[in-house]
Protein backbone atom coordinates (compact mmCIF):
# COMPACT_ATOMS: atom_id res chain seq x y z
CA MET A 1 0.04 0.16 0.29
CA LYS A 2 1.72 3.44 -1.16
CA GLU A 3 0.69 5.37 2.47
CA VAL A 4 2.89 2.72 4.36
CA ARG A 5 5.15 2.73 1.57
CA ASN A 6 6.15 5.86 1.67
CA ILE A 7 6.23 5.35 6.09
CA LEU A 8 8.72 3.33 5.80
CA ASN A 9 10.92 5.53 3.21
CA THR A 10 10.30 7.78 5.31
CA LEU A 11 11.58 6.11 8.17
CA ASP A 12 14.46 5.03 6.28
CA THR A 13 16.06 8.70 6.35
CA LYS A 14 15.28 9.47 9.79
CA GLY A 15 18.77 10.45 11.67
CA ASP A 16 18.81 13.22 14.61
CA LYS A 17 16.10 14.38 14.74
CA SER A 18 14.10 15.74 18.30
CA ASP A 19 11.79 14.25 20.40
CA LEU A 20 9.04 16.41 19.22
CA GLU A 21 9.76 15.52 15.59
CA VAL A 22 9.91 12.19 16.51
CA LYS A 23 6.64 12.21 18.73
CA ARG A 24 4.80 13.71 15.01
CA PHE A 25 6.34 11.04 13.08
CA ILE A 26 4.68 8.52 15.00
CA GLU A 27 1.84 9.66 15.34
CA LYS A 28 1.20 11.10 12.01
CA SER A 29 1.94 6.90 11.10
CA VAL A 30 0.40 4.93 13.19
CA SER A 31 -3.15 7.94 12.48
CA THR A 32 -2.22 6.80 8.92
CA ILE A 33 -2.26 3.31 8.89
CA MET A 34 -5.08 3.39 11.30
CA THR A 35 -6.85 4.72 8.28
CA ALA A 36 -5.39 2.98 5.78
CA LYS A 37 -6.12 -0.56 7.42
CA ASN A 38 -9.86 1.36 8.29
CA ILE A 39 -8.89 0.29 12.05
CA LYS A 40 -11.15 2.48 14.58
CA PRO A 41 -9.23 3.80 17.44
CA GLU A 42 -11.96 3.77 19.93
CA LEU A 43 -12.31 0.04 19.63
CA HIS A 44 -8.60 -0.61 19.33
CA ARG A 45 -6.51 0.63 22.09
CA GLN A 46 -3.92 -1.81 22.70
CA PHE A 47 -3.54 -2.01 18.87
CA VAL A 48 -2.84 1.75 18.80
CA THR A 49 -1.01 1.36 22.01
CA SER A 50 1.35 -1.90 20.38
CA LEU A 51 1.66 0.03 17.41
CA SER A 52 3.08 3.25 18.60
CA ALA A 53 5.34 1.19 20.37
CA CYS A 54 7.16 -0.74 17.18
CA PHE A 55 7.25 2.48 15.79
CA LYS A 56 9.29 4.17 18.49
CA GLN A 57 11.77 0.83 18.64
CA MET A 58 12.21 1.36 14.65
CA VAL A 59 13.04 5.16 15.42
CA GLY A 60 15.05 4.47 17.39
CA TYR A 61 17.32 2.10 15.80
CA ARG A 62 17.53 4.22 13.05
CA GLN A 63 19.01 7.56 14.47
CA LEU A 64 21.13 5.21 16.91
CA MET A 65 22.54 4.33 12.82
CA HIS A 66 23.28 7.61 12.50
CA THR A 67 24.54 8.73 15.87
CA VAL A 68 27.76 5.80 15.60
CA GLU A 69 27.57 6.57 12.30
CA GLN A 70 28.47 9.98 12.98
CA LEU A 71 30.64 8.77 16.07
CA ARG A 72 32.86 7.30 13.90
CA CYS A 73 32.98 9.59 10.86
CA VAL A 74 35.10 11.84 14.03
CA GLY A 75 38.98 10.83 13.49
CA TYR A 76 40.79 11.50 16.81
CA ASP A 77 42.73 14.01 16.33
CA GLU A 78 45.93 15.19 18.85
CA GLY A 79 45.07 18.91 18.37
CA ASN A 80 41.69 17.92 20.46
CA LEU A 81 41.95 18.04 24.20
CA ASP A 82 38.85 15.98 24.56
CA HIS A 83 40.16 13.47 22.35
CA GLU A 84 42.91 13.56 24.32
CA VAL A 85 42.09 12.76 27.25
CA GLN A 86 39.77 10.67 26.41
CA LEU A 87 42.89 8.73 25.31
CA LEU A 88 44.43 9.40 28.74
CA GLU A 89 41.65 8.15 30.26
CA LEU A 90 41.38 4.46 28.80
CA TRP A 91 45.43 4.09 30.34
CA ARG A 92 44.04 5.13 33.31
CA LEU A 93 40.79 2.84 33.97
CA LEU A 94 43.72 -0.36 32.06
CA GLN A 95 47.04 0.96 34.21
CA PRO A 96 45.91 2.46 36.79
CA ASP A 97 49.22 1.89 39.16
CA ARG A 98 51.02 3.08 35.99
CA ALA A 99 52.12 6.22 34.84
CA LEU A 100 52.89 7.01 30.80
CA ASP A 101 56.02 8.57 30.77
CA LYS A 102 54.80 10.90 27.98
CA ARG A 103 52.18 10.93 25.49
CA VAL A 104 54.25 8.97 22.31
CA THR A 105 55.87 5.92 23.94
CA LYS A 106 55.84 2.15 24.18
CA GLN A 107 54.11 1.92 26.61
CA TRP A 108 50.31 2.38 24.60
CA GLN A 109 51.50 -1.29 23.29
CA ASP A 110 50.74 -2.41 26.81
CA ILE A 111 47.56 -2.37 26.38
CA GLY A 112 47.29 -3.21 22.76
CA PHE A 113 47.85 -0.48 20.40
CA GLN A 114 50.42 -1.03 17.63
CA GLY A 115 52.94 1.89 17.76
CA GLU A 116 53.83 4.44 20.10
CA ASP A 117 50.86 6.83 19.12
CA PRO A 118 48.35 5.38 19.26
CA LYS A 119 45.87 7.55 17.63
CA THR A 120 46.99 6.02 14.36
CA ASP A 121 45.10 3.12 14.90
CA PHE A 122 41.63 4.89 15.44
CA ARG A 123 41.22 6.12 11.29
CA GLY A 124 38.80 3.47 10.62
CA MET A 125 36.41 3.52 13.19
CA GLY A 126 37.02 7.24 14.49
CA LEU A 127 35.88 8.00 18.56
CA LEU A 128 33.67 5.53 17.76
CA GLY A 129 36.39 2.53 18.46
CA LEU A 130 38.13 5.08 21.31
CA GLN A 131 34.68 5.46 22.89
CA ASN A 132 33.69 1.54 23.07
CA LEU A 133 37.07 0.72 25.05
CA ILE A 134 36.81 3.18 27.51
CA TYR A 135 32.89 2.23 27.80
CA PHE A 136 34.10 -1.14 28.94
CA ALA A 137 37.30 -0.35 30.66
CA ARG A 138 35.08 1.59 32.66
CA GLU A 139 31.51 -0.66 33.11
CA TYR A 140 33.18 -3.53 33.32
CA SER A 141 36.60 -2.72 34.75
CA SER A 142 38.02 -5.91 36.34
CA ALA A 143 35.95 -7.88 33.02
CA ALA A 144 38.74 -5.61 30.73
CA ARG A 145 41.29 -5.64 32.69
CA HIS A 146 41.36 -9.68 32.79
CA ILE A 147 41.19 -10.31 29.18
CA LEU A 148 44.31 -7.61 29.12
CA SER A 149 46.47 -9.90 31.09
CA HIS A 150 44.89 -12.97 28.36
CA SER A 151 46.48 -10.58 25.84
CA HIS A 152 49.38 -11.06 27.78
CA HIS A 153 49.89 -14.43 27.54
CA PRO A 154 52.65 -15.49 26.00
CA LYS A 155 50.32 -18.78 24.49
CA PHE A 156 47.65 -17.52 23.26
CA GLY A 157 47.91 -13.91 23.71
CA PHE A 158 46.34 -11.88 20.99
CA TYR A 159 48.90 -10.43 19.01
CA SER A 160 47.95 -7.87 16.40
CA ALA A 161 46.90 -9.51 13.57
CA LEU A 162 46.66 -5.90 11.62
CA SER A 163 49.80 -5.62 11.78
CA SER A 164 52.58 -6.56 8.79
CA GLU A 165 55.03 -7.51 12.11
CA LEU A 166 54.44 -9.82 15.05
CA PRO A 167 56.88 -9.05 17.15
CA SER A 168 55.96 -10.64 20.82
CA ALA A 169 56.34 -8.07 22.40
CA ARG A 170 53.60 -6.17 20.96
CA PHE A 171 50.33 -7.12 22.19
CA SER A 172 47.19 -5.97 20.95
CA PHE A 173 44.37 -6.15 23.54
CA ALA A 174 43.13 -2.67 21.57
CA ILE A 175 43.70 -3.68 18.05
CA VAL A 176 41.32 -6.29 18.75
CA GLY A 177 38.81 -4.21 20.44
CA ILE A 178 38.75 -1.92 17.77
CA ASN A 179 38.17 -5.05 15.66
CA LEU A 180 34.90 -5.63 17.46
CA THR A 181 33.34 -2.60 16.93
CA SER A 182 33.77 -2.56 13.37
CA LEU A 183 32.01 -6.22 13.63
CA ALA A 184 29.68 -4.33 15.99
CA LEU A 185 28.66 -0.80 13.34
CA LYS A 186 28.30 -4.32 10.48
CA LEU A 187 26.35 -5.97 12.68
CA LEU A 188 23.81 -2.89 13.68
CA MET A 189 24.14 -0.80 10.04
CA ASP A 190 22.77 -4.87 8.17
CA TYR A 191 20.25 -4.95 10.65
CA SER A 192 21.16 -8.14 12.57
CA LEU A 193 21.28 -6.59 16.20
CA ARG A 194 17.34 -5.78 15.17
CA SER A 195 16.13 -9.07 17.72
CA HIS A 196 18.86 -8.21 20.18
CA LEU A 197 17.86 -4.42 20.80
CA TYR A 198 14.15 -4.59 20.58
CA ASN A 199 14.14 -6.94 22.89
CA GLN A 200 15.34 -5.02 25.88
CA LYS A 201 13.36 -3.43 27.87
CA LYS A 202 14.46 0.28 26.76
CA LEU A 203 14.68 2.08 23.52
CA PRO A 204 18.08 1.48 21.23
CA ASP A 205 20.40 4.29 21.98
CA LEU A 206 24.38 4.69 22.16
CA ASP A 207 24.02 3.22 25.56
CA ALA A 208 22.98 0.05 24.16
CA PHE A 209 25.47 0.18 21.79
CA HIS A 210 28.39 0.26 24.38
CA HIS A 211 26.40 -2.50 26.00
CA PHE A 212 26.77 -4.90 23.19
CA TYR A 213 30.34 -4.30 22.64
CA CYS A 214 30.87 -5.77 26.05
CA TYR A 215 29.72 -8.44 25.14
CA LEU A 216 31.17 -9.14 22.29
CA PHE A 217 34.43 -8.39 24.05
CA ILE A 218 33.72 -11.11 26.43
CA GLU A 219 32.32 -13.40 24.51
CA PHE A 220 35.32 -13.59 21.79
CA ASP A 221 37.27 -14.28 24.69
CA ARG A 222 36.38 -16.57 25.72
CA PHE A 223 36.28 -17.69 22.61
CA TRP A 224 39.45 -17.37 21.85
CA LEU A 225 40.82 -19.57 24.54
CA GLU A 226 38.10 -22.12 23.83
CA CYS A 227 39.58 -22.29 20.11
CA GLU A 228 43.68 -22.51 21.93
CA PRO A 229 45.21 -20.99 18.34
CA ARG A 230 48.45 -22.10 17.02
CA ASP A 231 49.14 -19.01 16.43
CA ILE A 232 47.93 -15.27 15.43
CA MET A 233 47.04 -16.18 11.90
CA GLU A 234 44.79 -18.05 13.21
CA PHE A 235 43.11 -15.08 14.18
CA ASN A 236 40.42 -14.31 11.33
CA ARG A 237 39.81 -17.56 11.26
CA ILE A 238 38.48 -17.52 14.54
CA ARG A 239 37.07 -14.02 14.07
CA ASP A 240 34.96 -15.64 11.31
CA ILE A 241 33.39 -18.45 13.20
CA PHE A 242 32.62 -16.26 16.15
CA GLU A 243 30.62 -13.77 13.45
CA ASN A 244 28.55 -16.80 11.51
CA ASN A 245 28.18 -18.12 15.22
CA LEU A 246 26.86 -15.04 16.67
CA ARG A 247 24.63 -14.02 13.73
CA VAL A 248 22.62 -17.22 14.46
CA GLN A 249 21.81 -16.25 17.61
CA LEU A 250 21.15 -13.17 16.50
CA SER A 251 18.83 -14.19 13.27
CA ASP A 252 16.22 -16.06 16.36
CA ASN A 253 13.91 -12.77 17.03
CA THR A 254 13.22 -13.92 19.95
CA THR A 255 17.15 -13.49 20.95
CA THR A 256 17.89 -11.37 23.97
CA LEU A 257 22.19 -11.10 24.21
CA LYS A 258 23.10 -11.06 27.90
CA ILE A 259 26.87 -10.14 29.52
CA ASN A 260 28.33 -13.23 31.59
CA ILE A 261 31.18 -11.84 33.89
CA GLU A 262 32.80 -14.25 34.69
CA VAL A 263 35.75 -14.48 32.55
CA ASP A 264 38.06 -17.40 31.96
CA THR A 265 41.27 -17.71 33.63
CA VAL A 266 44.52 -19.36 32.26
C-alpha cells in the first residue's frame, strides 16, 4: 500500500531528530496506518499502543545507526583536547597503577596498540572505537583488565593480526577491541542487531550499543581461549567463526544477549 510504503521510506531517512519531531512522526504514522486499514482507534486502543511502541523502536534503531556512524566518522585528532583526555582516560582505566612516561611512548603497546602513538589505530573506527574501549574498561573494569592479562599470555595472547609485523612483545588488546567495534557496527548497519535491541526493555540508544560491544569483547575472549589457536595467524579464521555463530543467534527473533562477566583464567 502506497501510504505504508511512504512511511517506511520516511523512516529510512530518520536521522538525528528531536523528541518532538519523533513524536509527531510516530503519531502521523499510526494515524495513516489506522486510516488505510480502516481500524477504529476507539475500538482497538491496545493496537494503537502496540503500534506506537513498534514505531518508537524502529525510529530509535535508525537514530542509533545515525549516531554511531557520526562517531565513526570523527577521526582522532591529537590537537583536540577532548580526544586526548579520552585517550588518557583509557590508559588510566586499564593501567591505574602506572603513569605514562610521555604522550608518545611504547607503553601504549602494553594495552594493545600497534605503535607508540595510538591515534593511528583509530583511523578506521574513529572516536567510536575509542569510546567503545573506554565504556568497556569503565563499566566492566575487572573483566577488561582480566582480558588484558589474557592478551599478554605467552601462548594464547592476542598478538596483532592487523600488523605486517608480529613481534612477541606487541600485544593487541586495543586492536582486537577496535576490530570488534567494526563487527558491532556491521551487525548494527545490516539490521542483524534488531532482534537483540528490540527485545531490550528500553529504546535502542548509544548506551545499548556500547553494552553490546562489551558482550562481544567478553565472548570473543572466551571463544578465543576455547579455540586454543596455534598462533595469531588464526585470528581471522576464529573471528569469522565467531561472527557466524553470533549471526545464527541473532537470527532468532527472541534473542537477548546477556553479558556473563565470569572471565576464564589461563
